[in-house]
Every structure is written in C-alpha cells, then in structure tokens.
Amino acid sequence: MSFVSQTVLTQTAGAIEDSELLKQLQQGDEAAFKHLVNKYKDRVYNTCLGFLRNPHDAEDVSQEVFIKIHHSIADFREEASLSTWIYRIAVTKSLELIRYRKRGKRSGFFKALNSFFNEPDEAMDESGFMHPGIQLENKERARVLFGEIDKLSEKQRTAFTLQKVEGLSYQEVATIMEMTVPAVESLIHRAKENLKKQLYEFYQQNELD
C-alpha cells in the first residue's frame, strides 16, 4: 500500500464525519477502515516523513500506524478526537524507530560487524533527504536545519516538528503530546533558541573553514 500519492475519496464513500466513521470502525466495517485510510494516509505519511527524513521509512511506518489503528480501534475511548489519536500513533511509531536507530548507532561493534558481511543500506542514508515542501533554492539551508532539528531533545523535536514543520496549532500539539499549551510553547521556545545557537555555531565554523 502506498501512502505517498495523493488520493481522492471515492464518490461512493462520501464525506463521513469522524464520529460516524468511528462507530462504523468499531463495528468492524472494513469499508469504513478503507475510508479512514483514504482520509488520513497523506497526513500520516507527511507526519512520519517530518520525523524520519526518509520516504521509505515514512511509508513503512505509515503502514504500521494503520495496522495499529486497525488492531486498537475497538479500545478507543474518545478521550481525544480521532484525528488527534491518529497523529499520536504516527508520532509514537516514528519516535520508536528513531530510538531504535540510535540504539543501533551506539552498538558500534555490531554495526561494523554487520557492514562487513552486508552491503551498506542506501535507504538508511538521510543526508540527501528533502522535505516535499522545501523549495529548491533553500535546499542546502533546509538540509542543515533538519540536521540540527535531529539534535534537539525528543520533546523539543516533537513539538517543533508538529508545529513548525507540519503546521499544527499549539492546541493541537498540546493535545497530541498530552501537555498544556504553555508547556508546548516553552518547548518550542527552547527548541528555537537551541536551533539559533546550533545554526550560528555551524555557520561560524563553515565560514572559518
């Protein structure tokens, strides 16, 4: 299943409100699940891509998100909106992969051993990643920025990515992260300050080279 291409909802499916869609999903309606995928797949993919910087990873994790939704929908209690719950799963799954990758990087000996027996996995190389919304003339600047975002703490990175990259409101980010709006504002403020410092140091070093 591909989550990259834009898909228009079919006329037969029509526009279904999330409350009605949820009811149908919890009754095991497979047509309703297909409608859910059509409705949310691009948002889920773009959210995963914003965190993972790798189209292949984003597509794989997007599929994991919808598998998780399919398995867990019966337990959804509407403590948040359906869309917020889906975003939360997408963020969680993306961060799980990032943590797994970081643990792998720390295991230097095993990584070296693995590379001895296997060809390098080009799909893992995120250095050339460009978010779809970035214009060509800003490519190099964006590459540096995304690299510095990766150095932020997990909470700062999550809040900054959801609000500044994905364009969600502070309230939406707060709901997804299960925090207060002031706490999210503080995270994003600290993220911006850290990025300013990191980017200043980067450009200072490069000017001296």
N, C-alpha and C. Protein backbone atom coordinates (compact mmCIF):
# COMPACT_ATOMS: atom_id res chain seq x y z
N MET A 1 0.85 -1.19 0.00
CA MET A 1 0.00 0.00 0.00
C MET A 1 0.88 1.24 0.00
N SER A 2 0.64 2.16 -0.91
CA SER A 2 1.46 3.37 -0.99
C SER A 2 0.77 4.54 -0.33
N PHE A 3 1.53 5.26 0.51
CA PHE A 3 0.96 6.41 1.21
C PHE A 3 1.53 7.71 0.65
N VAL A 4 2.31 7.63 -0.44
CA VAL A 4 2.96 8.82 -0.96
C VAL A 4 2.03 9.63 -1.83
N SER A 5 1.32 8.98 -2.74
CA SER A 5 0.50 9.69 -3.70
C SER A 5 -0.76 10.26 -3.07
N GLN A 6 -1.24 11.39 -3.60
CA GLN A 6 -2.49 11.98 -3.15
C GLN A 6 -3.64 11.12 -3.68
N THR A 7 -4.62 10.82 -2.82
CA THR A 7 -5.75 10.00 -3.24
C THR A 7 -7.04 10.73 -2.94
N VAL A 8 -7.91 10.83 -3.93
CA VAL A 8 -9.20 11.50 -3.75
C VAL A 8 -10.21 10.47 -3.28
N LEU A 9 -11.01 10.82 -2.28
CA LEU A 9 -12.03 9.91 -1.79
C LEU A 9 -13.03 9.60 -2.89
N THR A 10 -13.44 8.36 -2.94
CA THR A 10 -14.39 7.96 -3.97
C THR A 10 -15.76 8.54 -3.69
N GLN A 11 -16.54 8.73 -4.74
CA GLN A 11 -17.88 9.29 -4.59
C GLN A 11 -18.77 8.36 -3.77
N THR A 12 -18.55 7.05 -3.89
CA THR A 12 -19.40 6.11 -3.15
C THR A 12 -19.14 6.20 -1.66
N ALA A 13 -17.89 6.51 -1.30
CA ALA A 13 -17.57 6.59 0.13
C ALA A 13 -18.19 7.84 0.73
N GLY A 14 -18.12 8.95 0.00
CA GLY A 14 -18.70 10.19 0.50
C GLY A 14 -17.92 10.74 1.68
N ALA A 15 -18.39 11.88 2.19
CA ALA A 15 -17.76 12.51 3.35
C ALA A 15 -18.42 12.01 4.61
N ILE A 16 -17.65 11.32 5.43
CA ILE A 16 -18.18 10.76 6.67
C ILE A 16 -17.55 11.49 7.84
N GLU A 17 -18.36 11.98 8.76
CA GLU A 17 -17.85 12.62 9.97
C GLU A 17 -17.10 11.58 10.80
N ASP A 18 -16.06 12.06 11.54
CA ASP A 18 -15.25 11.12 12.32
C ASP A 18 -16.07 10.35 13.35
N SER A 19 -17.08 10.99 13.94
CA SER A 19 -17.91 10.31 14.94
C SER A 19 -18.65 9.13 14.33
N GLU A 20 -19.20 9.33 13.13
CA GLU A 20 -19.90 8.24 12.44
C GLU A 20 -18.91 7.20 11.93
N LEU A 21 -17.76 7.67 11.45
CA LEU A 21 -16.72 6.77 10.97
C LEU A 21 -16.24 5.87 12.11
N LEU A 22 -16.05 6.46 13.28
CA LEU A 22 -15.60 5.69 14.44
C LEU A 22 -16.60 4.60 14.81
N LYS A 23 -17.87 4.96 14.76
CA LYS A 23 -18.91 3.99 15.09
C LYS A 23 -18.85 2.80 14.12
N GLN A 24 -18.69 3.09 12.84
CA GLN A 24 -18.62 2.03 11.84
C GLN A 24 -17.35 1.18 12.01
N LEU A 25 -16.24 1.85 12.34
CA LEU A 25 -14.98 1.14 12.55
C LEU A 25 -15.08 0.18 13.72
N GLN A 26 -15.71 0.62 14.79
CA GLN A 26 -15.82 -0.22 15.98
C GLN A 26 -16.82 -1.36 15.80
N GLN A 27 -17.59 -1.29 14.73
CA GLN A 27 -18.47 -2.39 14.38
C GLN A 27 -17.80 -3.36 13.40
N GLY A 28 -16.52 -3.07 13.10
CA GLY A 28 -15.76 -3.95 12.22
C GLY A 28 -16.02 -3.75 10.74
N ASP A 29 -16.50 -2.57 10.36
CA ASP A 29 -16.82 -2.28 8.96
C ASP A 29 -15.52 -2.02 8.18
N GLU A 30 -15.16 -2.94 7.29
CA GLU A 30 -13.92 -2.82 6.52
C GLU A 30 -13.98 -1.66 5.53
N ALA A 31 -15.15 -1.37 4.99
CA ALA A 31 -15.28 -0.23 4.07
C ALA A 31 -14.97 1.07 4.82
N ALA A 32 -15.38 1.14 6.07
CA ALA A 32 -15.09 2.33 6.88
C ALA A 32 -13.60 2.46 7.12
N PHE A 33 -12.91 1.33 7.30
CA PHE A 33 -11.46 1.38 7.51
C PHE A 33 -10.76 1.88 6.25
N LYS A 34 -11.21 1.43 5.09
CA LYS A 34 -10.64 1.91 3.83
C LYS A 34 -10.85 3.42 3.69
N HIS A 35 -12.04 3.88 4.11
CA HIS A 35 -12.33 5.32 4.08
C HIS A 35 -11.37 6.06 5.01
N LEU A 36 -11.13 5.51 6.19
CA LEU A 36 -10.20 6.12 7.15
C LEU A 36 -8.80 6.24 6.54
N VAL A 37 -8.34 5.17 5.90
CA VAL A 37 -7.02 5.20 5.27
C VAL A 37 -6.96 6.29 4.21
N ASN A 38 -7.98 6.35 3.35
CA ASN A 38 -8.02 7.37 2.31
C ASN A 38 -8.01 8.78 2.89
N LYS A 39 -8.72 8.95 4.00
CA LYS A 39 -8.86 10.27 4.61
C LYS A 39 -7.58 10.74 5.28
N TYR A 40 -6.86 9.82 5.92
CA TYR A 40 -5.74 10.22 6.78
C TYR A 40 -4.37 9.82 6.27
N LYS A 41 -4.27 9.04 5.20
CA LYS A 41 -2.97 8.48 4.83
C LYS A 41 -1.94 9.53 4.48
N ASP A 42 -2.34 10.61 3.80
CA ASP A 42 -1.36 11.64 3.44
C ASP A 42 -0.88 12.40 4.66
N ARG A 43 -1.78 12.68 5.58
CA ARG A 43 -1.39 13.37 6.82
C ARG A 43 -0.45 12.50 7.65
N VAL A 44 -0.77 11.21 7.73
CA VAL A 44 0.08 10.29 8.49
C VAL A 44 1.45 10.19 7.85
N TYR A 45 1.47 10.01 6.53
CA TYR A 45 2.75 9.89 5.82
C TYR A 45 3.60 11.15 6.01
N ASN A 46 3.01 12.33 5.85
CA ASN A 46 3.76 13.58 5.98
C ASN A 46 4.28 13.77 7.40
N THR A 47 3.49 13.37 8.40
CA THR A 47 3.95 13.46 9.79
C THR A 47 5.15 12.55 10.00
N CYS A 48 5.06 11.31 9.55
CA CYS A 48 6.17 10.36 9.69
C CYS A 48 7.40 10.87 8.94
N LEU A 49 7.19 11.42 7.75
CA LEU A 49 8.30 11.94 6.95
C LEU A 49 8.98 13.11 7.65
N GLY A 50 8.19 13.95 8.32
CA GLY A 50 8.76 15.08 9.04
C GLY A 50 9.71 14.66 10.14
N PHE A 51 9.46 13.49 10.74
CA PHE A 51 10.32 12.98 11.80
C PHE A 51 11.47 12.12 11.26
N LEU A 52 11.18 11.30 10.26
CA LEU A 52 12.13 10.28 9.84
C LEU A 52 13.05 10.71 8.71
N ARG A 53 12.67 11.71 7.92
CA ARG A 53 13.50 12.25 6.85
C ARG A 53 13.82 11.23 5.76
N ASN A 54 13.05 10.18 5.69
CA ASN A 54 13.35 9.11 4.73
C ASN A 54 12.04 8.58 4.16
N PRO A 55 11.78 8.75 2.87
CA PRO A 55 10.50 8.34 2.29
C PRO A 55 10.17 6.87 2.50
N HIS A 56 11.17 5.99 2.39
CA HIS A 56 10.93 4.56 2.57
C HIS A 56 10.51 4.26 4.02
N ASP A 57 11.23 4.85 4.97
CA ASP A 57 10.89 4.67 6.37
C ASP A 57 9.51 5.23 6.67
N ALA A 58 9.23 6.41 6.11
CA ALA A 58 7.93 7.05 6.36
C ALA A 58 6.79 6.19 5.84
N GLU A 59 6.98 5.59 4.70
CA GLU A 59 5.92 4.73 4.15
C GLU A 59 5.75 3.47 4.99
N ASP A 60 6.86 2.86 5.41
CA ASP A 60 6.78 1.66 6.24
C ASP A 60 6.08 1.96 7.57
N VAL A 61 6.47 3.07 8.20
CA VAL A 61 5.88 3.42 9.49
C VAL A 61 4.42 3.81 9.32
N SER A 62 4.07 4.45 8.21
CA SER A 62 2.67 4.79 7.94
C SER A 62 1.81 3.52 7.93
N GLN A 63 2.33 2.48 7.30
CA GLN A 63 1.59 1.23 7.27
C GLN A 63 1.45 0.64 8.68
N GLU A 64 2.52 0.76 9.49
CA GLU A 64 2.45 0.29 10.88
C GLU A 64 1.39 1.07 11.66
N VAL A 65 1.29 2.36 11.38
CA VAL A 65 0.29 3.20 12.05
C VAL A 65 -1.12 2.68 11.78
N PHE A 66 -1.42 2.40 10.53
CA PHE A 66 -2.77 1.94 10.20
C PHE A 66 -3.04 0.51 10.68
N ILE A 67 -2.00 -0.29 10.75
CA ILE A 67 -2.15 -1.63 11.36
C ILE A 67 -2.50 -1.47 12.84
N LYS A 68 -1.79 -0.55 13.51
CA LYS A 68 -2.06 -0.28 14.93
C LYS A 68 -3.48 0.23 15.12
N ILE A 69 -3.92 1.13 14.25
CA ILE A 69 -5.28 1.66 14.33
C ILE A 69 -6.30 0.53 14.17
N HIS A 70 -6.07 -0.33 13.19
CA HIS A 70 -6.99 -1.43 12.92
C HIS A 70 -7.11 -2.36 14.12
N HIS A 71 -5.97 -2.62 14.78
CA HIS A 71 -5.96 -3.53 15.92
C HIS A 71 -6.51 -2.90 17.20
N SER A 72 -6.42 -1.56 17.29
CA SER A 72 -6.74 -0.89 18.55
C SER A 72 -8.04 -0.09 18.53
N ILE A 73 -8.69 0.01 17.39
CA ILE A 73 -9.85 0.89 17.27
C ILE A 73 -10.98 0.52 18.24
N ALA A 74 -11.10 -0.76 18.55
CA ALA A 74 -12.16 -1.19 19.46
C ALA A 74 -11.95 -0.64 20.86
N ASP A 75 -10.70 -0.33 21.21
CA ASP A 75 -10.38 0.16 22.56
C ASP A 75 -10.35 1.69 22.64
N PHE A 76 -10.56 2.37 21.51
CA PHE A 76 -10.52 3.83 21.50
C PHE A 76 -11.72 4.37 22.27
N ARG A 77 -11.44 5.25 23.27
CA ARG A 77 -12.49 5.72 24.17
C ARG A 77 -12.85 7.19 23.97
N GLU A 78 -12.38 7.80 22.91
CA GLU A 78 -12.73 9.19 22.57
C GLU A 78 -12.32 10.19 23.64
N GLU A 79 -11.21 9.91 24.34
CA GLU A 79 -10.67 10.90 25.27
C GLU A 79 -10.05 12.07 24.49
N ALA A 80 -9.72 11.81 23.24
CA ALA A 80 -9.29 12.84 22.30
C ALA A 80 -10.03 12.59 21.00
N SER A 81 -9.89 13.51 20.04
CA SER A 81 -10.54 13.29 18.76
C SER A 81 -9.85 12.16 18.02
N LEU A 82 -10.53 11.60 17.04
CA LEU A 82 -9.95 10.52 16.25
C LEU A 82 -8.68 10.98 15.55
N SER A 83 -8.71 12.19 14.99
CA SER A 83 -7.53 12.70 14.28
C SER A 83 -6.34 12.87 15.22
N THR A 84 -6.59 13.35 16.44
CA THR A 84 -5.51 13.51 17.43
C THR A 84 -4.92 12.17 17.79
N TRP A 85 -5.79 11.19 17.99
CA TRP A 85 -5.34 9.83 18.32
C TRP A 85 -4.46 9.27 17.20
N ILE A 86 -4.84 9.50 15.96
CA ILE A 86 -4.06 9.02 14.81
C ILE A 86 -2.71 9.72 14.75
N TYR A 87 -2.71 11.04 14.94
CA TYR A 87 -1.44 11.78 14.97
C TYR A 87 -0.53 11.23 16.06
N ARG A 88 -1.11 10.96 17.23
CA ARG A 88 -0.32 10.47 18.37
C ARG A 88 0.35 9.14 18.04
N ILE A 89 -0.39 8.26 17.37
CA ILE A 89 0.18 6.97 16.98
C ILE A 89 1.30 7.17 15.96
N ALA A 90 1.09 8.09 15.01
CA ALA A 90 2.12 8.36 13.99
C ALA A 90 3.40 8.89 14.64
N VAL A 91 3.25 9.81 15.59
CA VAL A 91 4.42 10.36 16.28
C VAL A 91 5.11 9.27 17.08
N THR A 92 4.33 8.48 17.83
CA THR A 92 4.89 7.42 18.67
C THR A 92 5.67 6.41 17.84
N LYS A 93 5.08 5.97 16.73
CA LYS A 93 5.74 4.98 15.87
C LYS A 93 7.01 5.55 15.25
N SER A 94 6.98 6.82 14.87
CA SER A 94 8.16 7.46 14.29
C SER A 94 9.28 7.55 15.32
N LEU A 95 8.94 7.97 16.53
CA LEU A 95 9.94 8.09 17.59
C LEU A 95 10.51 6.73 17.99
N GLU A 96 9.67 5.71 17.95
CA GLU A 96 10.15 4.36 18.25
C GLU A 96 11.25 3.94 17.28
N LEU A 97 11.05 4.24 15.99
CA LEU A 97 12.08 3.90 15.00
C LEU A 97 13.34 4.72 15.21
N ILE A 98 13.18 6.00 15.53
CA ILE A 98 14.34 6.85 15.79
C ILE A 98 15.14 6.32 16.98
N ARG A 99 14.44 5.95 18.06
CA ARG A 99 15.13 5.41 19.24
C ARG A 99 15.85 4.11 18.89
N TYR A 100 15.20 3.28 18.10
CA TYR A 100 15.81 2.02 17.69
C TYR A 100 17.08 2.27 16.90
N ARG A 101 17.02 3.24 15.98
CA ARG A 101 18.18 3.57 15.17
C ARG A 101 19.32 4.12 16.05
N LYS A 102 18.97 4.93 17.04
CA LYS A 102 20.01 5.49 17.92
C LYS A 102 20.68 4.39 18.73
N ARG A 103 19.89 3.42 19.20
CA ARG A 103 20.47 2.29 19.93
C ARG A 103 21.41 1.52 19.01
N GLY A 104 21.01 1.39 17.75
CA GLY A 104 21.85 0.69 16.78
C GLY A 104 23.16 1.41 16.53
N LYS A 105 23.11 2.75 16.49
CA LYS A 105 24.32 3.52 16.28
C LYS A 105 25.28 3.40 17.45
N ARG A 106 24.72 3.25 18.66
CA ARG A 106 25.58 3.11 19.83
C ARG A 106 26.27 1.76 19.85
N SER A 107 25.66 0.80 19.19
CA SER A 107 26.26 -0.53 19.14
C SER A 107 27.25 -0.57 17.98
N GLY A 108 28.33 0.20 18.12
CA GLY A 108 29.27 0.37 17.03
C GLY A 108 29.91 -0.92 16.56
N PHE A 109 30.26 -1.78 17.50
CA PHE A 109 30.93 -3.03 17.12
C PHE A 109 30.04 -3.88 16.24
N PHE A 110 28.76 -4.02 16.65
CA PHE A 110 27.83 -4.86 15.89
C PHE A 110 27.50 -4.23 14.54
N LYS A 111 27.47 -2.91 14.51
CA LYS A 111 27.22 -2.23 13.24
C LYS A 111 28.38 -2.48 12.27
N ALA A 112 29.60 -2.39 12.79
CA ALA A 112 30.77 -2.63 11.95
C ALA A 112 30.81 -4.08 11.47
N LEU A 113 30.46 -4.97 12.38
CA LEU A 113 30.44 -6.39 12.04
C LEU A 113 29.41 -6.67 10.96
N ASN A 114 28.25 -6.06 11.10
CA ASN A 114 27.18 -6.25 10.12
C ASN A 114 27.60 -5.71 8.75
N SER A 115 28.25 -4.55 8.74
CA SER A 115 28.67 -3.96 7.47
C SER A 115 29.74 -4.79 6.78
N PHE A 116 30.47 -5.59 7.57
CA PHE A 116 31.49 -6.47 6.99
C PHE A 116 30.85 -7.57 6.13
N PHE A 117 29.67 -8.03 6.57
CA PHE A 117 29.00 -9.13 5.88
C PHE A 117 27.95 -8.64 4.89
N ASN A 118 27.54 -7.37 4.99
CA ASN A 118 26.45 -6.89 4.14
C ASN A 118 26.84 -5.60 3.44
N GLU A 119 26.20 -5.36 2.29
CA GLU A 119 26.38 -4.10 1.59
C GLU A 119 25.71 -2.98 2.36
N PRO A 120 26.21 -1.76 2.32
CA PRO A 120 25.55 -0.64 3.02
C PRO A 120 24.14 -0.45 2.51
N ASP A 121 23.23 -0.13 3.43
CA ASP A 121 21.83 0.08 3.07
C ASP A 121 21.62 1.54 2.69
N GLU A 122 21.50 1.81 1.40
CA GLU A 122 21.38 3.18 0.95
C GLU A 122 20.10 3.83 1.45
N ALA A 123 19.07 3.03 1.72
CA ALA A 123 17.80 3.59 2.19
C ALA A 123 17.94 4.23 3.56
N MET A 124 19.02 3.86 4.28
CA MET A 124 19.22 4.40 5.62
C MET A 124 19.86 5.79 5.57
N ASP A 125 20.40 6.17 4.42
CA ASP A 125 21.10 7.43 4.31
C ASP A 125 20.11 8.57 4.20
N GLU A 126 20.08 9.42 5.25
CA GLU A 126 19.12 10.51 5.27
C GLU A 126 19.77 11.84 4.90
N SER A 127 21.07 11.81 4.55
CA SER A 127 21.79 13.07 4.32
C SER A 127 21.23 13.84 3.14
N GLY A 128 20.65 13.14 2.16
CA GLY A 128 20.14 13.83 0.99
C GLY A 128 18.65 14.08 1.05
N PHE A 129 18.02 13.82 2.20
CA PHE A 129 16.57 13.98 2.31
C PHE A 129 16.16 15.43 2.13
N MET A 130 15.05 15.64 1.43
CA MET A 130 14.47 16.96 1.33
C MET A 130 12.97 16.85 1.53
N HIS A 131 12.44 17.59 2.47
CA HIS A 131 11.00 17.59 2.70
C HIS A 131 10.30 18.12 1.45
N PRO A 132 9.16 17.53 1.05
CA PRO A 132 8.49 17.94 -0.18
C PRO A 132 8.15 19.43 -0.26
N GLY A 133 7.96 20.08 0.91
CA GLY A 133 7.57 21.48 0.89
C GLY A 133 8.72 22.46 0.74
N ILE A 134 9.95 21.95 0.67
CA ILE A 134 11.11 22.83 0.60
C ILE A 134 11.41 23.22 -0.84
N GLN A 135 11.57 24.51 -1.10
CA GLN A 135 11.88 24.98 -2.44
C GLN A 135 13.36 24.71 -2.76
N LEU A 136 13.63 24.55 -4.04
CA LEU A 136 14.96 24.16 -4.49
C LEU A 136 16.05 25.11 -4.01
N GLU A 137 15.78 26.42 -4.05
CA GLU A 137 16.81 27.39 -3.69
C GLU A 137 17.15 27.35 -2.19
N ASN A 138 16.26 26.74 -1.38
CA ASN A 138 16.51 26.65 0.06
C ASN A 138 17.01 25.27 0.47
N LYS A 139 17.38 24.45 -0.51
CA LYS A 139 17.71 23.06 -0.23
C LYS A 139 18.86 22.90 0.77
N GLU A 140 19.96 23.61 0.54
CA GLU A 140 21.12 23.47 1.41
C GLU A 140 20.82 23.98 2.82
N ARG A 141 20.13 25.12 2.90
CA ARG A 141 19.77 25.67 4.21
C ARG A 141 18.84 24.72 4.97
N ALA A 142 17.89 24.11 4.24
CA ALA A 142 16.96 23.18 4.87
C ALA A 142 17.67 21.92 5.33
N ARG A 143 18.65 21.45 4.55
CA ARG A 143 19.40 20.26 4.94
C ARG A 143 20.10 20.48 6.28
N VAL A 144 20.70 21.65 6.41
CA VAL A 144 21.38 21.99 7.67
C VAL A 144 20.38 22.09 8.81
N LEU A 145 19.24 22.76 8.55
CA LEU A 145 18.22 22.93 9.58
C LEU A 145 17.70 21.59 10.07
N PHE A 146 17.34 20.68 9.13
CA PHE A 146 16.83 19.37 9.54
C PHE A 146 17.88 18.59 10.34
N GLY A 147 19.13 18.74 9.96
CA GLY A 147 20.19 18.07 10.71
C GLY A 147 20.27 18.57 12.14
N GLU A 148 20.07 19.88 12.33
CA GLU A 148 20.12 20.45 13.68
C GLU A 148 18.85 20.10 14.48
N ILE A 149 17.71 20.00 13.80
CA ILE A 149 16.49 19.59 14.49
C ILE A 149 16.67 18.20 15.11
N ASP A 150 17.39 17.34 14.39
CA ASP A 150 17.63 15.98 14.89
C ASP A 150 18.42 15.96 16.19
N LYS A 151 19.14 17.05 16.49
CA LYS A 151 19.95 17.11 17.70
C LYS A 151 19.17 17.60 18.92
N LEU A 152 17.95 18.07 18.70
CA LEU A 152 17.12 18.55 19.82
C LEU A 152 16.70 17.38 20.70
N SER A 153 16.29 17.69 21.93
CA SER A 153 15.73 16.64 22.79
C SER A 153 14.46 16.12 22.14
N GLU A 154 14.04 14.91 22.52
CA GLU A 154 12.89 14.29 21.87
C GLU A 154 11.63 15.14 21.97
N LYS A 155 11.37 15.72 23.15
CA LYS A 155 10.16 16.52 23.32
C LYS A 155 10.23 17.81 22.51
N GLN A 156 11.40 18.46 22.53
CA GLN A 156 11.56 19.68 21.73
C GLN A 156 11.39 19.37 20.25
N ARG A 157 12.00 18.30 19.80
CA ARG A 157 11.91 17.92 18.39
C ARG A 157 10.47 17.62 18.00
N THR A 158 9.75 16.92 18.87
CA THR A 158 8.36 16.57 18.58
C THR A 158 7.50 17.81 18.46
N ALA A 159 7.60 18.68 19.46
CA ALA A 159 6.78 19.90 19.46
C ALA A 159 7.13 20.79 18.26
N PHE A 160 8.42 20.97 18.00
CA PHE A 160 8.85 21.85 16.91
C PHE A 160 8.41 21.29 15.56
N THR A 161 8.57 19.99 15.36
CA THR A 161 8.21 19.36 14.08
C THR A 161 6.71 19.46 13.82
N LEU A 162 5.91 19.15 14.85
CA LEU A 162 4.46 19.19 14.67
C LEU A 162 3.97 20.61 14.40
N GLN A 163 4.55 21.60 15.10
CA GLN A 163 4.04 22.96 14.96
C GLN A 163 4.66 23.71 13.78
N LYS A 164 5.98 23.63 13.64
CA LYS A 164 6.66 24.42 12.62
C LYS A 164 6.77 23.73 11.27
N VAL A 165 6.92 22.40 11.28
CA VAL A 165 7.06 21.68 10.01
C VAL A 165 5.70 21.21 9.50
N GLU A 166 4.88 20.62 10.39
CA GLU A 166 3.58 20.10 9.97
C GLU A 166 2.47 21.14 10.04
N GLY A 167 2.72 22.26 10.73
CA GLY A 167 1.77 23.37 10.72
C GLY A 167 0.57 23.21 11.64
N LEU A 168 0.68 22.36 12.67
CA LEU A 168 -0.42 22.20 13.61
C LEU A 168 -0.44 23.37 14.59
N SER A 169 -1.60 23.63 15.17
CA SER A 169 -1.71 24.70 16.16
C SER A 169 -1.08 24.26 17.48
N TYR A 170 -0.80 25.23 18.35
CA TYR A 170 -0.26 24.90 19.66
C TYR A 170 -1.22 23.99 20.43
N GLN A 171 -2.51 24.26 20.30
CA GLN A 171 -3.51 23.43 21.00
C GLN A 171 -3.48 22.00 20.47
N GLU A 172 -3.38 21.85 19.15
CA GLU A 172 -3.33 20.50 18.57
C GLU A 172 -2.08 19.76 19.04
N VAL A 173 -0.95 20.46 19.04
CA VAL A 173 0.30 19.84 19.50
C VAL A 173 0.18 19.44 20.97
N ALA A 174 -0.40 20.32 21.78
CA ALA A 174 -0.56 20.03 23.20
C ALA A 174 -1.43 18.79 23.42
N THR A 175 -2.50 18.68 22.65
CA THR A 175 -3.39 17.52 22.78
C THR A 175 -2.67 16.25 22.37
N ILE A 176 -1.95 16.30 21.25
CA ILE A 176 -1.23 15.11 20.78
C ILE A 176 -0.17 14.68 21.78
N MET A 177 0.55 15.65 22.35
CA MET A 177 1.64 15.33 23.29
C MET A 177 1.15 15.16 24.72
N GLU A 178 -0.15 15.39 24.93
CA GLU A 178 -0.76 15.28 26.27
C GLU A 178 -0.06 16.21 27.26
N MET A 179 0.07 17.47 26.83
CA MET A 179 0.68 18.51 27.63
C MET A 179 -0.21 19.74 27.59
N THR A 180 0.12 20.74 28.43
CA THR A 180 -0.60 22.01 28.37
C THR A 180 -0.04 22.85 27.24
N VAL A 181 -0.83 23.82 26.79
CA VAL A 181 -0.36 24.73 25.74
C VAL A 181 0.88 25.51 26.21
N PRO A 182 0.90 26.06 27.44
CA PRO A 182 2.12 26.77 27.89
C PRO A 182 3.35 25.87 27.88
N ALA A 183 3.18 24.59 28.22
CA ALA A 183 4.33 23.67 28.20
C ALA A 183 4.84 23.47 26.78
N VAL A 184 3.92 23.38 25.82
CA VAL A 184 4.31 23.25 24.41
C VAL A 184 5.01 24.52 23.94
N GLU A 185 4.45 25.68 24.32
CA GLU A 185 5.06 26.96 23.93
C GLU A 185 6.48 27.05 24.47
N SER A 186 6.69 26.56 25.70
CA SER A 186 8.01 26.58 26.30
C SER A 186 8.97 25.65 25.55
N LEU A 187 8.49 24.47 25.19
CA LEU A 187 9.32 23.53 24.43
C LEU A 187 9.75 24.13 23.09
N ILE A 188 8.80 24.74 22.39
CA ILE A 188 9.11 25.31 21.07
C ILE A 188 10.05 26.51 21.21
N HIS A 189 9.85 27.31 22.26
CA HIS A 189 10.75 28.44 22.51
C HIS A 189 12.17 27.95 22.74
N ARG A 190 12.32 26.91 23.58
CA ARG A 190 13.66 26.36 23.86
C ARG A 190 14.25 25.74 22.60
N ALA A 191 13.41 25.08 21.81
CA ALA A 191 13.88 24.47 20.55
C ALA A 191 14.42 25.55 19.62
N LYS A 192 13.69 26.66 19.49
CA LYS A 192 14.12 27.75 18.61
C LYS A 192 15.43 28.36 19.10
N GLU A 193 15.55 28.54 20.42
CA GLU A 193 16.78 29.09 20.97
C GLU A 193 17.96 28.16 20.73
N ASN A 194 17.74 26.85 20.92
CA ASN A 194 18.80 25.87 20.67
C ASN A 194 19.19 25.84 19.20
N LEU A 195 18.20 25.93 18.32
CA LEU A 195 18.49 25.91 16.89
C LEU A 195 19.27 27.16 16.47
N LYS A 196 18.90 28.31 17.04
CA LYS A 196 19.64 29.54 16.73
C LYS A 196 21.11 29.39 17.10
N LYS A 197 21.34 28.83 18.30
CA LYS A 197 22.71 28.64 18.77
C LYS A 197 23.46 27.64 17.89
N GLN A 198 22.80 26.51 17.60
CA GLN A 198 23.44 25.47 16.80
C GLN A 198 23.75 25.95 15.38
N LEU A 199 22.80 26.68 14.79
CA LEU A 199 22.99 27.16 13.43
C LEU A 199 24.06 28.26 13.38
N TYR A 200 24.10 29.10 14.40
CA TYR A 200 25.13 30.15 14.47
C TYR A 200 26.51 29.51 14.52
N GLU A 201 26.64 28.48 15.39
CA GLU A 201 27.93 27.80 15.52
C GLU A 201 28.30 27.10 14.21
N PHE A 202 27.31 26.50 13.54
CA PHE A 202 27.57 25.81 12.28
C PHE A 202 28.11 26.77 11.23
N TYR A 203 27.43 27.92 11.06
CA TYR A 203 27.83 28.86 10.01
C TYR A 203 29.15 29.55 10.36
N GLN A 204 29.40 29.75 11.68
CA GLN A 204 30.68 30.32 12.10
C GLN A 204 31.83 29.38 11.73
N GLN A 205 31.64 28.09 12.01
CA GLN A 205 32.66 27.10 11.69
C GLN A 205 32.90 26.99 10.19
N ASN A 206 31.82 27.03 9.41
CA ASN A 206 31.95 26.89 7.97
C ASN A 206 32.57 28.11 7.31
N GLU A 207 32.36 29.28 7.92
CA GLU A 207 32.97 30.48 7.37
C GLU A 207 34.48 30.47 7.61
N LEU A 208 34.87 29.80 8.72
CA LEU A 208 36.28 29.76 9.06
C LEU A 208 37.03 28.70 8.27
N ASP A 209 36.30 27.69 7.77
CA ASP A 209 36.94 26.58 7.03
C ASP A 209 37.43 27.03 5.67
